[in-house]
Amino acid sequence: MTDHNRSIVLLTSKAVGLAVLDSVLQHVSTVATVDDHGDDRTQLDEITKRCRDSDIPVHILSDGRGLDRVVTDAAPRLVVVAGWYWRIPASVLGLPQLGFAGLHYSLLPAFRGGSPLVWALLSGTRTVGATLFRMTEEIDAGPVWGQVSISVEEDDDIGSVLERLTPAAARMVGDAVPKILDGLVEPLEQDHTQASYCLQRLPNDGRIDWTQDADTITRFIRAQTHPYPGAFAMRRGKALRIWRARPVNEAVVGQPGQVARIGQRVVVACGGGTGLAVESAESALRSGDRLGAADD
């Protein structure tokens, strides 16, 4: 196998970026990342430390501008993208000889677009994964170099899924990159007839609709819990984040969003006569609280 030390640029951030950096470290000539200290998920300090320890130049950008200069100056054969949140212009995509290899948290062609893992869990998908693909002007539509999948268990939430998927995805990238550099693997075209698309999630998309049944709301909460911002309800005009909850076995008769204490549990009435036991929230819920539109 050819020696490809220092032949790629890595665009990266967050835990997935740190894991991918570790998996391809010997091949990296330059890293571009983002100043995301305001995000609880930031791994900026760890990423920059890895780069310093390995004598790899790191560029901390405030947004997508300046990327063309980073790639032009580094002149890589391949750019690997993991945890990058800006559209990359076609003029930049064409700079490296082997193009851009993007890591997307879905089994493409399913769930192209924004927040794919959140949308997959919201939909009740029982198998999720990650895809390494050649980036093109069309979002997440390029040919595929590799995929990895994991099963979603009954009690999984997005945090537990990420704990398993992130290292698996990083290993997949680490295995694929040397083969791409050596020309040992050709990307395979996606079946575009099977494509589905995720729209960008907006802040209010995390709001709980208590008229839905408890199973649906439980899935909604699990899809957005830590390390994501969390599903929320309105309580006295303020957002209350609910991090963990599960359906109760008994029928619960009440107005959707009405809170009661049943035994040792704090239970919220949901649609269809179902109820949800809240196990973790940002502040205590009391019997008699009402969660929902009435508090706006």
C-alpha atoms as a PDB file:
ATOM      1  CA  MET A   1       0.000   0.000   0.000  1.00  0.00           C
ATOM      2  CA  THR A   2       1.266   3.470  -0.870  1.00  0.00           C
ATOM      3  CA  ASP A   3       2.417   5.803   1.896  1.00  0.00           C
ATOM      4  CA  HIS A   4      -0.301   8.458   2.111  1.00  0.00           C
ATOM      5  CA  ASN A   5       0.835  10.278   5.226  1.00  0.00           C
ATOM      6  CA  ARG A   6      -0.437  13.857   5.317  1.00  0.00           C
ATOM      7  CA  SER A   7      -2.480  13.600   2.119  1.00  0.00           C
ATOM      8  CA  ILE A   8      -5.982  14.622   3.297  1.00  0.00           C
ATOM      9  CA  VAL A   9      -7.702  17.655   4.783  1.00  0.00           C
ATOM     10  CA  LEU A  10     -10.287  17.002   7.493  1.00  0.00           C
ATOM     11  CA  LEU A  11     -13.287  19.324   8.017  1.00  0.00           C
ATOM     12  CA  THR A  12     -14.724  18.451  11.381  1.00  0.00           C
ATOM     13  CA  SER A  13     -16.319  19.255  14.743  1.00  0.00           C
ATOM     14  CA  LYS A  14     -18.157  17.608  17.658  1.00  0.00           C
ATOM     15  CA  ALA A  15     -17.668  14.054  18.947  1.00  0.00           C
ATOM     16  CA  VAL A  16     -17.962  12.497  15.506  1.00  0.00           C
ATOM     17  CA  GLY A  17     -15.219  14.799  14.241  1.00  0.00           C
ATOM     18  CA  LEU A  18     -12.894  13.852  17.078  1.00  0.00           C
ATOM     19  CA  ALA A  19     -13.516  10.144  16.495  1.00  0.00           C
ATOM     20  CA  VAL A  20     -12.895  10.475  12.747  1.00  0.00           C
ATOM     21  CA  LEU A  21      -9.751  12.530  13.368  1.00  0.00           C
ATOM     22  CA  ASP A  22      -8.385   9.704  15.519  1.00  0.00           C
ATOM     23  CA  SER A  23      -9.265   7.138  12.844  1.00  0.00           C
ATOM     24  CA  VAL A  24      -7.438   8.933   9.989  1.00  0.00           C
ATOM     25  CA  LEU A  25      -4.820  10.861  11.968  1.00  0.00           C
ATOM     26  CA  GLN A  26      -1.813   9.470  10.102  1.00  0.00           C
ATOM     27  CA  HIS A  27      -3.196  10.721   6.773  1.00  0.00           C
ATOM     28  CA  VAL A  28      -4.176  14.252   7.827  1.00  0.00           C
ATOM     29  CA  SER A  29      -2.201  17.262   6.595  1.00  0.00           C
ATOM     30  CA  THR A  30      -4.590  19.994   7.796  1.00  0.00           C
ATOM     31  CA  VAL A  31      -7.734  20.282   9.913  1.00  0.00           C
ATOM     32  CA  ALA A  32     -10.436  22.920   9.610  1.00  0.00           C
ATOM     33  CA  THR A  33     -12.937  23.156  12.453  1.00  0.00           C
ATOM     34  CA  VAL A  34     -15.387  25.652  13.887  1.00  0.00           C
ATOM     35  CA  ASP A  35     -15.426  27.739  17.052  1.00  0.00           C
ATOM     36  CA  ASP A  36     -18.426  26.095  18.727  1.00  0.00           C
ATOM     37  CA  HIS A  37     -17.620  26.740  22.395  1.00  0.00           C
ATOM     38  CA  GLY A  38     -21.206  27.916  22.857  1.00  0.00           C
ATOM     39  CA  ASP A  39     -22.500  24.427  22.056  1.00  0.00           C
ATOM     40  CA  ASP A  40     -22.644  21.839  24.856  1.00  0.00           C
ATOM     41  CA  ARG A  41     -21.495  19.231  22.314  1.00  0.00           C
ATOM     42  CA  THR A  42     -18.240  21.027  21.509  1.00  0.00           C
ATOM     43  CA  GLN A  43     -15.023  19.044  21.250  1.00  0.00           C
ATOM     44  CA  LEU A  44     -12.966  21.989  20.037  1.00  0.00           C
ATOM     45  CA  ASP A  45     -10.350  21.797  22.786  1.00  0.00           C
ATOM     46  CA  GLU A  46      -9.790  18.068  22.246  1.00  0.00           C
ATOM     47  CA  ILE A  47      -9.607  18.449  18.464  1.00  0.00           C
ATOM     48  CA  THR A  48      -7.060  21.256  18.670  1.00  0.00           C
ATOM     49  CA  LYS A  49      -5.020  19.313  21.247  1.00  0.00           C
ATOM     50  CA  ARG A  50      -4.888  16.257  18.961  1.00  0.00           C
ATOM     51  CA  CYS A  51      -3.668  18.482  16.139  1.00  0.00           C
ATOM     52  CA  ARG A  52      -1.001  20.169  18.265  1.00  0.00           C
ATOM     53  CA  ASP A  53       0.254  16.836  19.571  1.00  0.00           C
ATOM     54  CA  SER A  54       0.599  15.550  15.980  1.00  0.00           C
ATOM     55  CA  ASP A  55       1.993  18.786  14.476  1.00  0.00           C
ATOM     56  CA  ILE A  56      -1.078  19.197  12.268  1.00  0.00           C
ATOM     57  CA  PRO A  57      -2.097  22.772  11.379  1.00  0.00           C
ATOM     58  CA  VAL A  58      -5.635  23.533  12.529  1.00  0.00           C
ATOM     59  CA  HIS A  59      -7.794  26.374  11.215  1.00  0.00           C
ATOM     60  CA  ILE A  60     -10.641  27.496  13.479  1.00  0.00           C
ATOM     61  CA  LEU A  61     -13.285  29.143  11.318  1.00  0.00           C
ATOM     62  CA  SER A  62     -16.331  31.104  12.435  1.00  0.00           C
ATOM     63  CA  ASP A  63     -18.334  29.965   9.408  1.00  0.00           C
ATOM     64  CA  GLY A  64     -17.845  28.395   5.988  1.00  0.00           C
ATOM     65  CA  ARG A  65     -15.944  31.349   4.560  1.00  0.00           C
ATOM     66  CA  GLY A  66     -12.237  30.858   4.085  1.00  0.00           C
ATOM     67  CA  LEU A  67     -12.578  27.150   3.366  1.00  0.00           C
ATOM     68  CA  ASP A  68     -11.435  27.568  -0.235  1.00  0.00           C
ATOM     69  CA  ARG A  69      -8.172  29.096   0.963  1.00  0.00           C
ATOM     70  CA  VAL A  70      -7.588  26.274   3.469  1.00  0.00           C
ATOM     71  CA  VAL A  71      -8.092  23.594   0.813  1.00  0.00           C
ATOM     72  CA  THR A  72      -6.073  25.438  -1.849  1.00  0.00           C
ATOM     73  CA  ASP A  73      -3.112  25.977   0.480  1.00  0.00           C
ATOM     74  CA  ALA A  74      -3.102  22.359   1.699  1.00  0.00           C
ATOM     75  CA  ALA A  75      -3.525  20.881  -1.827  1.00  0.00           C
ATOM     76  CA  PRO A  76      -4.842  17.508  -0.536  1.00  0.00           C
ATOM     77  CA  ARG A  77      -5.697  14.514  -2.678  1.00  0.00           C
ATOM     78  CA  LEU A  78      -8.885  14.013  -0.635  1.00  0.00           C
ATOM     79  CA  VAL A  79     -10.980  16.047   1.816  1.00  0.00           C
ATOM     80  CA  VAL A  80     -12.918  14.174   4.520  1.00  0.00           C
ATOM     81  CA  VAL A  81     -15.952  15.894   6.045  1.00  0.00           C
ATOM     82  CA  ALA A  82     -17.452  14.880   9.413  1.00  0.00           C
ATOM     83  CA  GLY A  83     -19.450  17.312  11.525  1.00  0.00           C
ATOM     84  CA  TRP A  84     -19.396  20.250   9.090  1.00  0.00           C
ATOM     85  CA  TYR A  85     -22.504  22.439   8.954  1.00  0.00           C
ATOM     86  CA  TRP A  86     -22.085  24.636   5.901  1.00  0.00           C
ATOM     87  CA  ARG A  87     -22.777  24.042   2.229  1.00  0.00           C
ATOM     88  CA  ILE A  88     -19.520  23.555   0.309  1.00  0.00           C
ATOM     89  CA  PRO A  89     -19.482  25.394  -3.043  1.00  0.00           C
ATOM     90  CA  ALA A  90     -18.998  23.394  -6.240  1.00  0.00           C
ATOM     91  CA  SER A  91     -15.832  25.360  -6.958  1.00  0.00           C
ATOM     92  CA  VAL A  92     -14.301  24.003  -3.728  1.00  0.00           C
ATOM     93  CA  LEU A  93     -15.631  20.463  -4.195  1.00  0.00           C
ATOM     94  CA  GLY A  94     -13.615  20.264  -7.404  1.00  0.00           C
ATOM     95  CA  LEU A  95     -10.266  21.243  -5.887  1.00  0.00           C
ATOM     96  CA  PRO A  96      -8.940  17.865  -4.579  1.00  0.00           C
ATOM     97  CA  GLN A  97      -8.005  15.149  -7.053  1.00  0.00           C
ATOM     98  CA  LEU A  98     -10.258  12.594  -5.325  1.00  0.00           C
ATOM     99  CA  GLY A  99     -12.937  15.047  -4.249  1.00  0.00           C
ATOM    100  CA  PHE A 100     -14.711  15.320  -0.892  1.00  0.00           C
ATOM    101  CA  ALA A 101     -15.761  12.291   1.176  1.00  0.00           C
ATOM    102  CA  GLY A 102     -18.671  13.217   3.438  1.00  0.00           C
ATOM    103  CA  LEU A 103     -19.883  11.275   6.475  1.00  0.00           C
ATOM    104  CA  HIS A 104     -23.685  11.361   6.799  1.00  0.00           C
ATOM    105  CA  TYR A 105     -25.586   9.796   9.697  1.00  0.00           C
ATOM    106  CA  SER A 106     -28.073   7.788   7.668  1.00  0.00           C
ATOM    107  CA  LEU A 107     -28.153   4.793   5.371  1.00  0.00           C
ATOM    108  CA  LEU A 108     -28.284   6.760   2.128  1.00  0.00           C
ATOM    109  CA  PRO A 109     -30.323   7.237   0.022  1.00  0.00           C
ATOM    110  CA  ALA A 110     -32.715   7.315   3.011  1.00  0.00           C
ATOM    111  CA  PHE A 111     -32.840  10.446   5.178  1.00  0.00           C
ATOM    112  CA  ARG A 112     -30.840  12.853   3.040  1.00  0.00           C
ATOM    113  CA  GLY A 113     -30.617  16.352   4.486  1.00  0.00           C
ATOM    114  CA  GLY A 114     -30.548  17.851   7.981  1.00  0.00           C
ATOM    115  CA  SER A 115     -30.694  16.055  11.353  1.00  0.00           C
ATOM    116  CA  PRO A 116     -31.047  12.619   9.730  1.00  0.00           C
ATOM    117  CA  LEU A 117     -30.577  10.590  12.908  1.00  0.00           C
ATOM    118  CA  VAL A 118     -33.203  12.603  14.789  1.00  0.00           C
ATOM    119  CA  TRP A 119     -35.679  12.142  11.951  1.00  0.00           C
ATOM    120  CA  ALA A 120     -34.904   8.423  11.719  1.00  0.00           C
ATOM    121  CA  LEU A 121     -35.608   7.888  15.427  1.00  0.00           C
ATOM    122  CA  LEU A 122     -38.751  10.020  15.240  1.00  0.00           C
ATOM    123  CA  SER A 123     -39.996   7.788  12.447  1.00  0.00           C
ATOM    124  CA  GLY A 124     -39.493   4.658  14.534  1.00  0.00           C
ATOM    125  CA  THR A 125     -36.759   3.235  12.308  1.00  0.00           C
ATOM    126  CA  ARG A 126     -35.195   0.170  13.948  1.00  0.00           C
ATOM    127  CA  THR A 127     -31.960   0.209  11.920  1.00  0.00           C
ATOM    128  CA  VAL A 128     -29.852   3.345  11.534  1.00  0.00           C
ATOM    129  CA  GLY A 129     -26.362   3.940  10.247  1.00  0.00           C
ATOM    130  CA  ALA A 130     -23.759   6.134   8.621  1.00  0.00           C
ATOM    131  CA  THR A 131     -22.613   6.537   5.029  1.00  0.00           C
ATOM    132  CA  LEU A 132     -19.339   7.751   3.549  1.00  0.00           C
ATOM    133  CA  PHE A 133     -20.085   9.197   0.118  1.00  0.00           C
ATOM    134  CA  ARG A 134     -18.539  11.413  -2.533  1.00  0.00           C
ATOM    135  CA  MET A 135     -19.999  14.883  -2.130  1.00  0.00           C
ATOM    136  CA  THR A 136     -21.610  16.549  -5.143  1.00  0.00           C
ATOM    137  CA  GLU A 137     -23.615  19.720  -5.690  1.00  0.00           C
ATOM    138  CA  GLU A 138     -26.806  17.808  -4.882  1.00  0.00           C
ATOM    139  CA  ILE A 139     -27.125  17.301  -1.141  1.00  0.00           C
ATOM    140  CA  ASP A 140     -26.213  13.780   0.052  1.00  0.00           C
ATOM    141  CA  ALA A 141     -26.770  12.317  -3.424  1.00  0.00           C
ATOM    142  CA  GLY A 142     -23.240  11.306  -4.417  1.00  0.00           C
ATOM    143  CA  PRO A 143     -21.958   7.753  -4.874  1.00  0.00           C
ATOM    144  CA  VAL A 144     -21.212   5.696  -1.761  1.00  0.00           C
ATOM    145  CA  TRP A 145     -17.792   4.489  -0.569  1.00  0.00           C
ATOM    146  CA  GLY A 146     -18.990   2.701   2.542  1.00  0.00           C
ATOM    147  CA  GLN A 147     -21.789   2.197   5.073  1.00  0.00           C
ATOM    148  CA  VAL A 148     -22.218   0.855   8.591  1.00  0.00           C
ATOM    149  CA  SER A 149     -25.481   0.096  10.407  1.00  0.00           C
ATOM    150  CA  ILE A 150     -26.642  -0.649  13.960  1.00  0.00           C
ATOM    151  CA  SER A 151     -29.950  -1.791  15.452  1.00  0.00           C
ATOM    152  CA  VAL A 152     -32.095   0.527  17.558  1.00  0.00           C
ATOM    153  CA  GLU A 153     -33.210  -1.229  20.744  1.00  0.00           C
ATOM    154  CA  GLU A 154     -36.480  -0.643  22.565  1.00  0.00           C
ATOM    155  CA  ASP A 155     -35.019   1.630  25.260  1.00  0.00           C
ATOM    156  CA  ASP A 156     -32.482   3.423  23.079  1.00  0.00           C
ATOM    157  CA  ASP A 157     -32.398   7.187  22.831  1.00  0.00           C
ATOM    158  CA  ILE A 158     -30.277   9.346  20.564  1.00  0.00           C
ATOM    159  CA  GLY A 159     -27.481   9.456  23.125  1.00  0.00           C
ATOM    160  CA  SER A 160     -27.173   5.678  23.434  1.00  0.00           C
ATOM    161  CA  VAL A 161     -27.431   5.271  19.655  1.00  0.00           C
ATOM    162  CA  LEU A 162     -24.629   7.791  19.139  1.00  0.00           C
ATOM    163  CA  GLU A 163     -22.455   5.974  21.684  1.00  0.00           C
ATOM    164  CA  ARG A 164     -22.509   2.923  19.403  1.00  0.00           C
ATOM    165  CA  LEU A 165     -22.810   4.558  15.990  1.00  0.00           C
ATOM    166  CA  THR A 166     -20.031   7.156  16.323  1.00  0.00           C
ATOM    167  CA  PRO A 167     -17.131   4.710  16.892  1.00  0.00           C
ATOM    168  CA  ALA A 168     -18.541   2.362  14.250  1.00  0.00           C
ATOM    169  CA  ALA A 169     -18.740   5.218  11.738  1.00  0.00           C
ATOM    170  CA  ALA A 170     -15.213   6.368  12.574  1.00  0.00           C
ATOM    171  CA  ARG A 171     -13.861   2.847  12.055  1.00  0.00           C
ATOM    172  CA  MET A 172     -15.661   2.664   8.714  1.00  0.00           C
ATOM    173  CA  VAL A 173     -14.050   5.941   7.615  1.00  0.00           C
ATOM    174  CA  GLY A 174     -10.656   4.826   8.874  1.00  0.00           C
ATOM    175  CA  ASP A 175     -10.922   1.610   6.849  1.00  0.00           C
ATOM    176  CA  ALA A 176     -12.171   3.334   3.698  1.00  0.00           C
ATOM    177  CA  VAL A 177      -9.800   6.304   3.416  1.00  0.00           C
ATOM    178  CA  PRO A 178      -6.567   4.347   2.654  1.00  0.00           C
ATOM    179  CA  LYS A 179      -8.457   2.303   0.056  1.00  0.00           C
ATOM    180  CA  ILE A 180      -9.792   5.462  -1.570  1.00  0.00           C
ATOM    181  CA  LEU A 181      -6.301   6.956  -1.657  1.00  0.00           C
ATOM    182  CA  ASP A 182      -4.924   3.757  -3.192  1.00  0.00           C
ATOM    183  CA  GLY A 183      -7.700   3.558  -5.777  1.00  0.00           C
ATOM    184  CA  LEU A 184      -8.818   0.183  -4.406  1.00  0.00           C
ATOM    185  CA  VAL A 185     -12.496   1.093  -4.054  1.00  0.00           C
ATOM    186  CA  GLU A 186     -14.907   2.795  -6.435  1.00  0.00           C
ATOM    187  CA  PRO A 187     -17.977   4.558  -5.031  1.00  0.00           C
ATOM    188  CA  LEU A 188     -21.327   3.019  -5.987  1.00  0.00           C
ATOM    189  CA  GLU A 189     -24.199   5.134  -7.268  1.00  0.00           C
ATOM    190  CA  GLN A 190     -27.174   5.495  -4.952  1.00  0.00           C
ATOM    191  CA  ASP A 191     -30.609   4.273  -5.966  1.00  0.00           C
ATOM    192  CA  HIS A 192     -32.158   7.726  -6.289  1.00  0.00           C
ATOM    193  CA  THR A 193     -35.668   6.259  -6.602  1.00  0.00           C
ATOM    194  CA  GLN A 194     -35.402   5.236  -2.932  1.00  0.00           C
ATOM    195  CA  ALA A 195     -34.336   8.650  -1.645  1.00  0.00           C
ATOM    196  CA  SER A 196     -36.091  10.390   1.238  1.00  0.00           C
ATOM    197  CA  TYR A 197     -35.370  13.884   2.499  1.00  0.00           C
ATOM    198  CA  CYS A 198     -35.138  15.508   5.931  1.00  0.00           C
ATOM    199  CA  LEU A 199     -35.946  19.180   6.333  1.00  0.00           C
ATOM    200  CA  GLN A 200     -33.907  21.296   8.730  1.00  0.00           C
ATOM    201  CA  ARG A 201     -35.262  21.189  12.265  1.00  0.00           C
ATOM    202  CA  LEU A 202     -36.240  24.531  13.787  1.00  0.00           C
ATOM    203  CA  PRO A 203     -36.214  25.385  17.518  1.00  0.00           C
ATOM    204  CA  ASN A 204     -39.981  25.003  17.881  1.00  0.00           C
ATOM    205  CA  ASP A 205     -39.907  21.531  16.288  1.00  0.00           C
ATOM    206  CA  GLY A 206     -38.910  20.108  19.678  1.00  0.00           C
ATOM    207  CA  ARG A 207     -42.190  21.119  21.288  1.00  0.00           C
ATOM    208  CA  ILE A 208     -44.270  18.210  22.618  1.00  0.00           C
ATOM    209  CA  ASP A 209     -47.834  17.791  21.406  1.00  0.00           C
ATOM    210  CA  TRP A 210     -49.640  16.228  24.368  1.00  0.00           C
ATOM    211  CA  THR A 211     -52.627  15.252  22.213  1.00  0.00           C
ATOM    212  CA  GLN A 212     -50.456  12.487  20.740  1.00  0.00           C
ATOM    213  CA  ASP A 213     -50.350   9.125  22.495  1.00  0.00           C
ATOM    214  CA  ALA A 214     -47.697   8.343  25.106  1.00  0.00           C
ATOM    215  CA  ASP A 215     -45.721   5.939  22.885  1.00  0.00           C
ATOM    216  CA  THR A 216     -45.336   8.587  20.180  1.00  0.00           C
ATOM    217  CA  ILE A 217     -44.322  11.246  22.712  1.00  0.00           C
ATOM    218  CA  THR A 218     -41.799   8.877  24.314  1.00  0.00           C
ATOM    219  CA  ARG A 219     -40.169   8.330  20.915  1.00  0.00           C
ATOM    220  CA  PHE A 220     -40.209  12.108  20.371  1.00  0.00           C
ATOM    221  CA  ILE A 221     -38.382  12.702  23.683  1.00  0.00           C
ATOM    222  CA  ARG A 222     -35.832   9.929  23.117  1.00  0.00           C
ATOM    223  CA  ALA A 223     -34.984  11.239  19.642  1.00  0.00           C
ATOM    224  CA  GLN A 224     -33.956  14.645  21.026  1.00  0.00           C
ATOM    225  CA  THR A 225     -32.517  14.042  24.481  1.00  0.00           C
ATOM    226  CA  HIS A 226     -28.860  14.580  25.485  1.00  0.00           C
ATOM    227  CA  PRO A 227     -26.585  15.487  23.767  1.00  0.00           C
ATOM    228  CA  TYR A 228     -29.248  17.278  21.693  1.00  0.00           C
ATOM    229  CA  PRO A 229     -31.279  20.274  22.960  1.00  0.00           C
ATOM    230  CA  GLY A 230     -34.196  18.138  24.140  1.00  0.00           C
ATOM    231  CA  ALA A 231     -37.948  17.982  23.651  1.00  0.00           C
ATOM    232  CA  PHE A 232     -39.844  20.609  25.604  1.00  0.00           C
ATOM    233  CA  ALA A 233     -43.228  21.695  26.893  1.00  0.00           C
ATOM    234  CA  MET A 234     -44.396  25.124  27.966  1.00  0.00           C
ATOM    235  CA  ARG A 235     -44.869  25.641  31.699  1.00  0.00           C
ATOM    236  CA  ARG A 236     -46.016  29.053  32.937  1.00  0.00           C
ATOM    237  CA  GLY A 237     -44.739  30.661  29.776  1.00  0.00           C
ATOM    238  CA  LYS A 238     -41.288  29.057  29.899  1.00  0.00           C
ATOM    239  CA  ALA A 239     -39.833  26.049  28.103  1.00  0.00           C
ATOM    240  CA  LEU A 240     -39.438  22.950  30.287  1.00  0.00           C
ATOM    241  CA  ARG A 241     -36.999  20.387  28.833  1.00  0.00           C
ATOM    242  CA  ILE A 242     -38.006  16.777  29.358  1.00  0.00           C
ATOM    243  CA  TRP A 243     -35.014  14.454  29.019  1.00  0.00           C
ATOM    244  CA  ARG A 244     -36.430  11.056  29.913  1.00  0.00           C
ATOM    245  CA  ALA A 245     -39.937   9.624  30.187  1.00  0.00           C
ATOM    246  CA  ARG A 246     -41.820   6.386  29.565  1.00  0.00           C
ATOM    247  CA  PRO A 247     -45.458   5.364  29.076  1.00  0.00           C
ATOM    248  CA  VAL A 248     -47.425   4.085  32.055  1.00  0.00           C
ATOM    249  CA  ASN A 249     -49.386   0.848  31.814  1.00  0.00           C
ATOM    250  CA  GLU A 250     -52.629   2.264  33.229  1.00  0.00           C
ATOM    251  CA  ALA A 251     -55.214   4.332  31.385  1.00  0.00           C
ATOM    252  CA  VAL A 252     -54.992   8.018  32.335  1.00  0.00           C
ATOM    253  CA  VAL A 253     -58.110  10.159  31.992  1.00  0.00           C
ATOM    254  CA  GLY A 254     -57.450  13.882  31.844  1.00  0.00           C
ATOM    255  CA  GLN A 255     -56.816  16.845  29.608  1.00  0.00           C
ATOM    256  CA  PRO A 256     -53.681  16.385  27.452  1.00  0.00           C
ATOM    257  CA  GLY A 257     -50.792  18.084  29.248  1.00  0.00           C
ATOM    258  CA  GLN A 258     -52.401  17.827  32.699  1.00  0.00           C
ATOM    259  CA  VAL A 259     -49.935  16.714  35.386  1.00  0.00           C
ATOM    260  CA  ALA A 260     -50.799  14.461  38.309  1.00  0.00           C
ATOM    261  CA  ARG A 261     -48.936  12.411  40.899  1.00  0.00           C
ATOM    262  CA  ILE A 262     -49.882   8.738  40.726  1.00  0.00           C
ATOM    263  CA  GLY A 263     -48.105   6.838  43.496  1.00  0.00           C
ATOM    264  CA  GLN A 264     -44.443   7.816  43.330  1.00  0.00           C
ATOM    265  CA  ARG A 265     -44.643   8.928  39.704  1.00  0.00           C
ATOM    266  CA  VAL A 266     -45.309  12.290  38.105  1.00  0.00           C
ATOM    267  CA  VAL A 267     -47.596  11.484  35.173  1.00  0.00           C
ATOM    268  CA  VAL A 268     -48.721  13.671  32.290  1.00  0.00           C
ATOM    269  CA  ALA A 269     -51.988  12.917  30.521  1.00  0.00           C
ATOM    270  CA  CYS A 270     -51.558  12.274  26.786  1.00  0.00           C
ATOM    271  CA  GLY A 271     -53.869  11.588  23.877  1.00  0.00           C
ATOM    272  CA  GLY A 272     -56.004   8.480  23.648  1.00  0.00           C
ATOM    273  CA  GLY A 273     -56.288   8.043  27.417  1.00  0.00           C
ATOM    274  CA  THR A 274     -52.574   7.292  27.751  1.00  0.00           C
ATOM    275  CA  GLY A 275     -50.112   8.678  30.270  1.00  0.00           C
ATOM    276  CA  LEU A 276     -46.410   9.463  30.429  1.00  0.00           C
ATOM    277  CA  ALA A 277     -44.248   9.154  33.553  1.00  0.00           C
ATOM    278  CA  VAL A 278     -41.633  11.918  33.540  1.00  0.00           C
ATOM    279  CA  GLU A 279     -38.329  10.600  34.875  1.00  0.00           C
ATOM    280  CA  SER A 280     -36.005  13.533  34.167  1.00  0.00           C
ATOM    281  CA  ALA A 281     -36.785  17.180  33.481  1.00  0.00           C
ATOM    282  CA  GLU A 282     -35.026  20.496  34.034  1.00  0.00           C
ATOM    283  CA  SER A 283     -37.178  21.362  37.014  1.00  0.00           C
ATOM    284  CA  ALA A 284     -39.715  19.601  39.186  1.00  0.00           C
ATOM    285  CA  LEU A 285     -43.252  19.095  37.965  1.00  0.00           C
ATOM    286  CA  ARG A 286     -46.097  19.420  40.443  1.00  0.00           C
ATOM    287  CA  SER A 287     -49.548  17.892  40.456  1.00  0.00           C
ATOM    288  CA  GLY A 288     -51.954  20.407  38.928  1.00  0.00           C
ATOM    289  CA  ASP A 289     -49.460  21.798  36.408  1.00  0.00           C
ATOM    290  CA  ARG A 290     -50.688  22.148  32.868  1.00  0.00           C
ATOM    291  CA  LEU A 291     -48.221  21.727  30.012  1.00  0.00           C
ATOM    292  CA  GLY A 292     -49.054  23.006  26.558  1.00  0.00           C
ATOM    293  CA  ALA A 293     -50.607  25.814  24.626  1.00  0.00           C
ATOM    294  CA  ALA A 294     -52.547  27.122  27.654  1.00  0.00           C
ATOM    295  CA  ASP A 295     -49.253  28.308  29.130  1.00  0.00           C
ATOM    296  CA  ASP A 296     -48.237  30.456  26.143  1.00  0.00           C
END
